[in-house]
Every structure is written in structure tokens, then in C-alpha cells.
Amino acid sequence: MQLVPATGKGRPLITAYGAGGFRFGLETGDVRLEGSVLILADTPSAWGPLAMADLAGESLSARFAPILALKGEIEFLLFGTGGEMLPPPLGLRDLLKGAGIGLEIMPTPAACRTYNHLATEGRHFAVAMLPVT
């Protein structure tokens, strides 16, 4: 799905998603990342899990450690669950709450649109998104 974002005020914006990855508009040009992504400190990077099932039974504190390290710097985590709305992994909400980080969860297409909107507002948040195939 192509997105036509407004200016991101220096932040990378998602210009497309689908087919198992994401495309970002960066100052150096468009970059495509395959699989899941994290966006921390305005930097998109690849992230390991490809589906919600990949998070089941894992150590959430290890998987979400880069986000937890931003304690006090971000308001919330925007979590895209893939092509459909799914509940967050068991314990994630409590883990983030203990660090003072909120959780907004939605399907990845909605999370992409929400990310672009919030990025233009200069909000302080992290993003973890599972891909849409």
C-alpha cells in the first residue's frame, strides 16, 4: 500500500508498506526494510519477529529491551500487529507500564498512518510493527 505522507519535519516517514516490508522516505532517499521494524530515536531498523506467534513464549523484556531503554524519553509504544488487530503479547502491557511507557496497539496499516501523523506533530514515541504480507 502506497502512502503519500506530508513532511515529517526531519523524521523518516513510511511511504509504503506490504509484501512483507516497509519503505521509508529518508533524507538520503527511500529505503526498504524487509520484515518487522522498530523506529527508535527517529531511526528505522529491522526487528526479528515476523508474526505475533513469534513473540509467544519469548522473553518480552529481551525482545523489547531497546524500547525499555528509552524509559523517560518516550510517551508510548505504537505497536502494529500485522494485517489484523490482535491482542498484545501476554505481559507486554505490564512490562511497559512498569517503565512508564504507554501502549497503543492497532493493525499495521493503521499504525503506519498513525505513525506518519504523529511524526509530523513531533511526538516522542517508539514504534514496533509486524509486516503485512
N, C-alpha and C. Protein backbone atom coordinates (compact mmCIF):
# COMPACT_ATOMS: atom_id res chain seq x y z
N MET A 1 0.85 -1.16 0.00
CA MET A 1 0.00 0.00 0.00
C MET A 1 0.89 1.23 0.00
N GLN A 2 0.64 2.13 -0.92
CA GLN A 2 1.40 3.38 -1.00
C GLN A 2 0.77 4.41 -0.07
N LEU A 3 1.59 5.16 0.59
CA LEU A 3 1.14 6.28 1.41
C LEU A 3 1.75 7.54 0.83
N VAL A 4 1.04 8.62 0.89
CA VAL A 4 1.57 9.90 0.44
C VAL A 4 1.62 10.81 1.66
N PRO A 5 2.73 10.72 2.42
CA PRO A 5 2.81 11.48 3.66
C PRO A 5 3.15 12.95 3.44
N ALA A 6 2.79 13.74 4.42
CA ALA A 6 3.21 15.13 4.46
C ALA A 6 4.66 15.15 4.93
N THR A 7 5.19 16.30 5.10
CA THR A 7 6.57 16.41 5.60
C THR A 7 6.67 15.87 7.01
N GLY A 8 7.76 15.20 7.31
CA GLY A 8 7.95 14.62 8.63
C GLY A 8 8.79 15.48 9.54
N LYS A 9 9.04 16.73 9.16
CA LYS A 9 9.85 17.63 9.97
C LYS A 9 11.18 16.99 10.35
N GLY A 10 11.84 16.38 9.37
CA GLY A 10 13.14 15.76 9.60
C GLY A 10 13.08 14.31 10.03
N ARG A 11 11.89 13.79 10.29
CA ARG A 11 11.74 12.39 10.69
C ARG A 11 11.47 11.53 9.46
N PRO A 12 11.90 10.26 9.52
CA PRO A 12 11.57 9.36 8.41
C PRO A 12 10.08 9.08 8.42
N LEU A 13 9.47 9.08 7.24
CA LEU A 13 8.05 8.75 7.13
C LEU A 13 7.89 7.46 6.33
N ILE A 14 6.85 6.73 6.62
CA ILE A 14 6.56 5.50 5.90
C ILE A 14 5.87 5.89 4.60
N THR A 15 6.49 5.54 3.48
CA THR A 15 5.91 5.88 2.18
C THR A 15 5.16 4.71 1.56
N ALA A 16 5.41 3.49 2.05
CA ALA A 16 4.69 2.31 1.56
C ALA A 16 4.90 1.17 2.54
N TYR A 17 3.96 0.23 2.54
CA TYR A 17 4.08 -0.99 3.34
C TYR A 17 3.40 -2.12 2.60
N GLY A 18 3.74 -3.33 2.94
CA GLY A 18 3.14 -4.51 2.32
C GLY A 18 4.21 -5.40 1.72
N ALA A 19 3.78 -6.54 1.21
CA ALA A 19 4.70 -7.53 0.62
C ALA A 19 5.82 -7.87 1.60
N GLY A 20 5.48 -7.87 2.91
CA GLY A 20 6.45 -8.29 3.90
C GLY A 20 7.47 -7.26 4.32
N GLY A 21 7.23 -5.96 4.07
CA GLY A 21 8.20 -4.95 4.46
C GLY A 21 7.63 -3.55 4.46
N PHE A 22 8.53 -2.58 4.63
CA PHE A 22 8.17 -1.18 4.75
C PHE A 22 9.15 -0.34 3.93
N ARG A 23 8.67 0.76 3.36
CA ARG A 23 9.55 1.70 2.68
C ARG A 23 9.46 3.03 3.41
N PHE A 24 10.64 3.60 3.68
CA PHE A 24 10.75 4.86 4.41
C PHE A 24 11.34 5.94 3.52
N GLY A 25 10.81 7.12 3.61
CA GLY A 25 11.39 8.28 2.96
C GLY A 25 12.38 8.91 3.91
N LEU A 26 13.66 8.83 3.56
CA LEU A 26 14.72 9.40 4.39
C LEU A 26 15.38 10.54 3.63
N GLU A 27 16.13 11.36 4.32
CA GLU A 27 16.83 12.46 3.66
C GLU A 27 17.76 11.96 2.56
N THR A 28 18.27 10.74 2.73
CA THR A 28 19.18 10.16 1.74
C THR A 28 18.45 9.40 0.65
N GLY A 29 17.12 9.40 0.66
CA GLY A 29 16.32 8.69 -0.33
C GLY A 29 15.48 7.61 0.33
N ASP A 30 14.69 6.93 -0.47
CA ASP A 30 13.84 5.87 0.06
C ASP A 30 14.65 4.63 0.40
N VAL A 31 14.27 3.99 1.51
CA VAL A 31 14.92 2.77 1.97
C VAL A 31 13.82 1.76 2.28
N ARG A 32 13.98 0.53 1.81
CA ARG A 32 13.03 -0.54 2.12
C ARG A 32 13.65 -1.47 3.14
N LEU A 33 12.88 -1.79 4.18
CA LEU A 33 13.29 -2.77 5.18
C LEU A 33 12.33 -3.94 5.09
N GLU A 34 12.86 -5.13 5.00
CA GLU A 34 12.05 -6.34 4.95
C GLU A 34 11.73 -6.80 6.35
N GLY A 35 10.57 -7.40 6.52
CA GLY A 35 10.18 -7.94 7.81
C GLY A 35 9.65 -6.87 8.74
N SER A 36 9.74 -7.13 10.04
CA SER A 36 9.27 -6.20 11.06
C SER A 36 10.26 -5.06 11.25
N VAL A 37 9.74 -3.96 11.80
CA VAL A 37 10.61 -2.79 12.02
C VAL A 37 10.42 -2.22 13.42
N LEU A 38 11.49 -1.62 13.90
CA LEU A 38 11.47 -0.76 15.08
C LEU A 38 11.84 0.63 14.60
N ILE A 39 11.21 1.62 15.17
CA ILE A 39 11.61 3.01 14.91
C ILE A 39 11.90 3.61 16.28
N LEU A 40 13.17 3.85 16.52
CA LEU A 40 13.64 4.39 17.80
C LEU A 40 14.51 5.61 17.51
N ALA A 41 14.28 6.67 18.23
CA ALA A 41 15.06 7.90 18.03
C ALA A 41 15.09 8.30 16.56
N ASP A 42 13.93 8.18 15.91
CA ASP A 42 13.75 8.57 14.50
C ASP A 42 14.57 7.73 13.53
N THR A 43 14.99 6.54 13.95
CA THR A 43 15.78 5.66 13.09
C THR A 43 15.06 4.33 12.91
N PRO A 44 14.62 4.02 11.68
CA PRO A 44 14.01 2.72 11.44
C PRO A 44 15.08 1.63 11.31
N SER A 45 14.79 0.46 11.88
CA SER A 45 15.71 -0.67 11.76
C SER A 45 14.91 -1.96 11.74
N ALA A 46 15.55 -3.01 11.23
CA ALA A 46 14.90 -4.32 11.18
C ALA A 46 14.70 -4.85 12.59
N TRP A 47 13.63 -5.64 12.77
CA TRP A 47 13.29 -6.23 14.06
C TRP A 47 12.95 -7.68 13.79
N GLY A 48 13.28 -8.58 14.69
CA GLY A 48 13.20 -10.02 14.48
C GLY A 48 11.88 -10.69 14.22
N PRO A 49 10.84 -10.50 15.06
CA PRO A 49 9.63 -11.31 14.88
C PRO A 49 8.89 -10.96 13.60
N LEU A 50 8.35 -11.97 12.94
CA LEU A 50 7.60 -11.72 11.71
C LEU A 50 6.10 -11.83 11.91
N ALA A 51 5.69 -12.42 13.02
CA ALA A 51 4.26 -12.58 13.33
C ALA A 51 4.09 -12.56 14.84
N MET A 52 2.88 -12.33 15.28
CA MET A 52 2.59 -12.29 16.71
C MET A 52 2.98 -13.61 17.37
N ALA A 53 2.80 -14.71 16.68
CA ALA A 53 3.15 -16.03 17.24
C ALA A 53 4.64 -16.11 17.58
N ASP A 54 5.47 -15.35 16.88
CA ASP A 54 6.91 -15.34 17.15
C ASP A 54 7.23 -14.72 18.51
N LEU A 55 6.30 -13.96 19.07
CA LEU A 55 6.52 -13.32 20.36
C LEU A 55 6.04 -14.17 21.53
N ALA A 56 5.25 -15.20 21.24
CA ALA A 56 4.72 -16.06 22.29
C ALA A 56 5.85 -16.87 22.93
N GLY A 57 5.90 -16.85 24.24
CA GLY A 57 6.88 -17.65 24.97
C GLY A 57 8.28 -17.07 25.01
N GLU A 58 8.52 -15.98 24.29
CA GLU A 58 9.84 -15.35 24.32
C GLU A 58 9.96 -14.46 25.55
N SER A 59 11.17 -14.11 25.88
CA SER A 59 11.40 -13.14 26.94
C SER A 59 11.05 -11.76 26.38
N LEU A 60 9.91 -11.24 26.79
CA LEU A 60 9.50 -9.93 26.28
C LEU A 60 10.47 -8.84 26.68
N SER A 61 11.05 -8.95 27.88
CA SER A 61 11.98 -7.91 28.31
C SER A 61 13.20 -7.88 27.39
N ALA A 62 13.63 -9.02 26.87
CA ALA A 62 14.75 -9.04 25.93
C ALA A 62 14.34 -8.51 24.56
N ARG A 63 13.18 -8.95 24.08
CA ARG A 63 12.71 -8.54 22.74
C ARG A 63 12.41 -7.05 22.69
N PHE A 64 11.90 -6.51 23.79
CA PHE A 64 11.52 -5.10 23.82
C PHE A 64 12.54 -4.24 24.58
N ALA A 65 13.73 -4.77 24.84
CA ALA A 65 14.77 -4.04 25.57
C ALA A 65 15.12 -2.70 24.94
N PRO A 66 15.22 -2.60 23.60
CA PRO A 66 15.55 -1.28 23.03
C PRO A 66 14.50 -0.22 23.35
N ILE A 67 13.25 -0.64 23.48
CA ILE A 67 12.18 0.29 23.81
C ILE A 67 12.24 0.64 25.29
N LEU A 68 12.45 -0.36 26.12
CA LEU A 68 12.53 -0.13 27.57
C LEU A 68 13.70 0.79 27.91
N ALA A 69 14.76 0.75 27.10
CA ALA A 69 15.92 1.62 27.34
C ALA A 69 15.59 3.10 27.14
N LEU A 70 14.47 3.39 26.50
CA LEU A 70 14.05 4.77 26.27
C LEU A 70 13.14 5.30 27.37
N LYS A 71 13.11 4.59 28.50
CA LYS A 71 12.30 5.00 29.65
C LYS A 71 12.57 6.46 29.98
N GLY A 72 11.51 7.24 30.12
CA GLY A 72 11.65 8.65 30.42
C GLY A 72 11.81 9.53 29.19
N GLU A 73 12.09 8.93 28.03
CA GLU A 73 12.28 9.70 26.80
C GLU A 73 11.10 9.61 25.85
N ILE A 74 10.28 8.55 26.01
CA ILE A 74 9.14 8.36 25.11
C ILE A 74 7.86 8.27 25.93
N GLU A 75 6.76 8.65 25.29
CA GLU A 75 5.45 8.60 25.93
C GLU A 75 4.84 7.20 25.83
N PHE A 76 4.99 6.57 24.67
CA PHE A 76 4.31 5.30 24.43
C PHE A 76 4.98 4.53 23.29
N LEU A 77 4.58 3.27 23.19
CA LEU A 77 4.96 2.40 22.08
C LEU A 77 3.76 2.25 21.18
N LEU A 78 3.91 2.54 19.90
CA LEU A 78 2.91 2.27 18.88
C LEU A 78 3.24 0.90 18.31
N PHE A 79 2.36 -0.07 18.52
CA PHE A 79 2.62 -1.45 18.13
C PHE A 79 1.65 -1.89 17.04
N GLY A 80 2.18 -2.19 15.85
CA GLY A 80 1.39 -2.69 14.73
C GLY A 80 1.40 -4.21 14.72
N THR A 81 0.22 -4.81 14.74
CA THR A 81 0.09 -6.26 14.93
C THR A 81 0.04 -7.06 13.63
N GLY A 82 0.37 -6.46 12.50
CA GLY A 82 0.28 -7.16 11.22
C GLY A 82 -1.00 -6.77 10.51
N GLY A 83 -1.50 -7.66 9.68
CA GLY A 83 -2.66 -7.35 8.86
C GLY A 83 -3.98 -7.24 9.59
N GLU A 84 -4.04 -7.76 10.79
CA GLU A 84 -5.29 -7.71 11.54
C GLU A 84 -5.03 -7.31 12.99
N MET A 85 -6.08 -6.87 13.66
CA MET A 85 -5.97 -6.49 15.06
C MET A 85 -5.85 -7.74 15.91
N LEU A 86 -4.79 -7.81 16.68
CA LEU A 86 -4.56 -8.92 17.59
C LEU A 86 -4.23 -8.36 18.97
N PRO A 87 -4.50 -9.12 20.02
CA PRO A 87 -4.13 -8.63 21.36
C PRO A 87 -2.60 -8.61 21.51
N PRO A 88 -2.08 -7.75 22.38
CA PRO A 88 -0.63 -7.70 22.57
C PRO A 88 -0.14 -9.00 23.22
N PRO A 89 1.13 -9.29 23.08
CA PRO A 89 1.68 -10.46 23.77
C PRO A 89 1.41 -10.37 25.26
N LEU A 90 1.12 -11.51 25.86
CA LEU A 90 0.83 -11.57 27.28
C LEU A 90 1.98 -10.96 28.09
N GLY A 91 1.69 -10.00 28.91
CA GLY A 91 2.69 -9.37 29.77
C GLY A 91 3.29 -8.10 29.20
N LEU A 92 3.08 -7.81 27.92
CA LEU A 92 3.71 -6.62 27.32
C LEU A 92 3.19 -5.34 27.95
N ARG A 93 1.90 -5.24 28.12
CA ARG A 93 1.33 -4.01 28.69
C ARG A 93 1.90 -3.74 30.08
N ASP A 94 1.99 -4.79 30.91
CA ASP A 94 2.54 -4.63 32.27
C ASP A 94 4.02 -4.28 32.23
N LEU A 95 4.78 -4.89 31.32
CA LEU A 95 6.20 -4.60 31.19
C LEU A 95 6.42 -3.13 30.86
N LEU A 96 5.67 -2.62 29.90
CA LEU A 96 5.81 -1.22 29.50
C LEU A 96 5.31 -0.28 30.61
N LYS A 97 4.21 -0.66 31.24
CA LYS A 97 3.66 0.17 32.31
C LYS A 97 4.67 0.34 33.44
N GLY A 98 5.40 -0.74 33.75
CA GLY A 98 6.43 -0.67 34.78
C GLY A 98 7.55 0.29 34.44
N ALA A 99 7.74 0.56 33.15
CA ALA A 99 8.76 1.51 32.70
C ALA A 99 8.17 2.90 32.45
N GLY A 100 6.87 3.05 32.72
CA GLY A 100 6.24 4.35 32.49
C GLY A 100 5.98 4.64 31.03
N ILE A 101 5.84 3.58 30.22
CA ILE A 101 5.62 3.71 28.78
C ILE A 101 4.23 3.18 28.45
N GLY A 102 3.43 3.97 27.79
CA GLY A 102 2.09 3.54 27.38
C GLY A 102 2.16 2.61 26.18
N LEU A 103 1.03 2.02 25.83
CA LEU A 103 0.95 1.11 24.69
C LEU A 103 -0.27 1.44 23.85
N GLU A 104 -0.05 1.71 22.58
CA GLU A 104 -1.12 1.87 21.60
C GLU A 104 -0.96 0.74 20.61
N ILE A 105 -1.99 -0.06 20.44
CA ILE A 105 -1.91 -1.24 19.59
C ILE A 105 -3.00 -1.17 18.53
N MET A 106 -2.62 -1.50 17.29
CA MET A 106 -3.56 -1.49 16.17
C MET A 106 -2.97 -2.29 15.02
N PRO A 107 -3.79 -2.65 14.03
CA PRO A 107 -3.24 -3.34 12.86
C PRO A 107 -2.16 -2.46 12.20
N THR A 108 -1.20 -3.09 11.57
CA THR A 108 -0.09 -2.36 10.97
C THR A 108 -0.51 -1.29 9.96
N PRO A 109 -1.50 -1.52 9.08
CA PRO A 109 -1.88 -0.43 8.17
C PRO A 109 -2.30 0.84 8.92
N ALA A 110 -3.08 0.68 9.98
CA ALA A 110 -3.49 1.84 10.78
C ALA A 110 -2.28 2.43 11.52
N ALA A 111 -1.39 1.56 11.98
CA ALA A 111 -0.20 2.04 12.69
C ALA A 111 0.70 2.85 11.77
N CYS A 112 0.80 2.48 10.51
CA CYS A 112 1.62 3.25 9.55
C CYS A 112 1.05 4.66 9.38
N ARG A 113 -0.26 4.74 9.19
CA ARG A 113 -0.89 6.06 9.04
C ARG A 113 -0.75 6.88 10.31
N THR A 114 -0.96 6.24 11.46
CA THR A 114 -0.86 6.93 12.74
C THR A 114 0.57 7.41 12.98
N TYR A 115 1.55 6.55 12.66
CA TYR A 115 2.95 6.94 12.82
C TYR A 115 3.24 8.22 12.02
N ASN A 116 2.86 8.24 10.74
CA ASN A 116 3.15 9.41 9.91
C ASN A 116 2.50 10.66 10.48
N HIS A 117 1.28 10.53 10.96
CA HIS A 117 0.59 11.69 11.54
C HIS A 117 1.31 12.18 12.80
N LEU A 118 1.61 11.25 13.71
CA LEU A 118 2.26 11.63 14.97
C LEU A 118 3.69 12.15 14.75
N ALA A 119 4.38 11.61 13.75
CA ALA A 119 5.74 12.06 13.45
C ALA A 119 5.74 13.53 13.04
N THR A 120 4.70 13.96 12.32
CA THR A 120 4.64 15.35 11.90
C THR A 120 4.31 16.28 13.06
N GLU A 121 3.78 15.71 14.16
CA GLU A 121 3.48 16.51 15.35
C GLU A 121 4.66 16.61 16.30
N GLY A 122 5.73 15.85 16.04
CA GLY A 122 6.90 15.90 16.90
C GLY A 122 6.74 15.15 18.20
N ARG A 123 5.83 14.19 18.26
CA ARG A 123 5.61 13.42 19.49
C ARG A 123 6.81 12.51 19.76
N HIS A 124 7.00 12.14 21.02
CA HIS A 124 8.09 11.28 21.44
C HIS A 124 7.55 9.89 21.74
N PHE A 125 7.81 8.95 20.81
CA PHE A 125 7.29 7.61 20.94
C PHE A 125 8.18 6.65 20.18
N ALA A 126 7.99 5.37 20.44
CA ALA A 126 8.70 4.32 19.72
C ALA A 126 7.68 3.52 18.92
N VAL A 127 8.17 2.80 17.91
CA VAL A 127 7.30 2.01 17.05
C VAL A 127 7.86 0.62 16.90
N ALA A 128 6.99 -0.37 17.01
CA ALA A 128 7.31 -1.76 16.67
C ALA A 128 6.18 -2.25 15.77
N MET A 129 6.50 -2.67 14.55
CA MET A 129 5.45 -3.10 13.63
C MET A 129 5.80 -4.43 12.98
N LEU A 130 4.82 -5.31 13.00
CA LEU A 130 4.93 -6.58 12.27
C LEU A 130 4.50 -6.31 10.83
N PRO A 131 5.07 -7.01 9.87
CA PRO A 131 4.77 -6.73 8.47
C PRO A 131 3.41 -7.23 8.04
N VAL A 132 2.94 -6.66 6.92
CA VAL A 132 1.74 -7.10 6.25
C VAL A 132 2.19 -7.82 4.99
N THR A 133 1.72 -9.04 4.82
CA THR A 133 2.15 -9.80 3.63
C THR A 133 1.21 -9.61 2.47
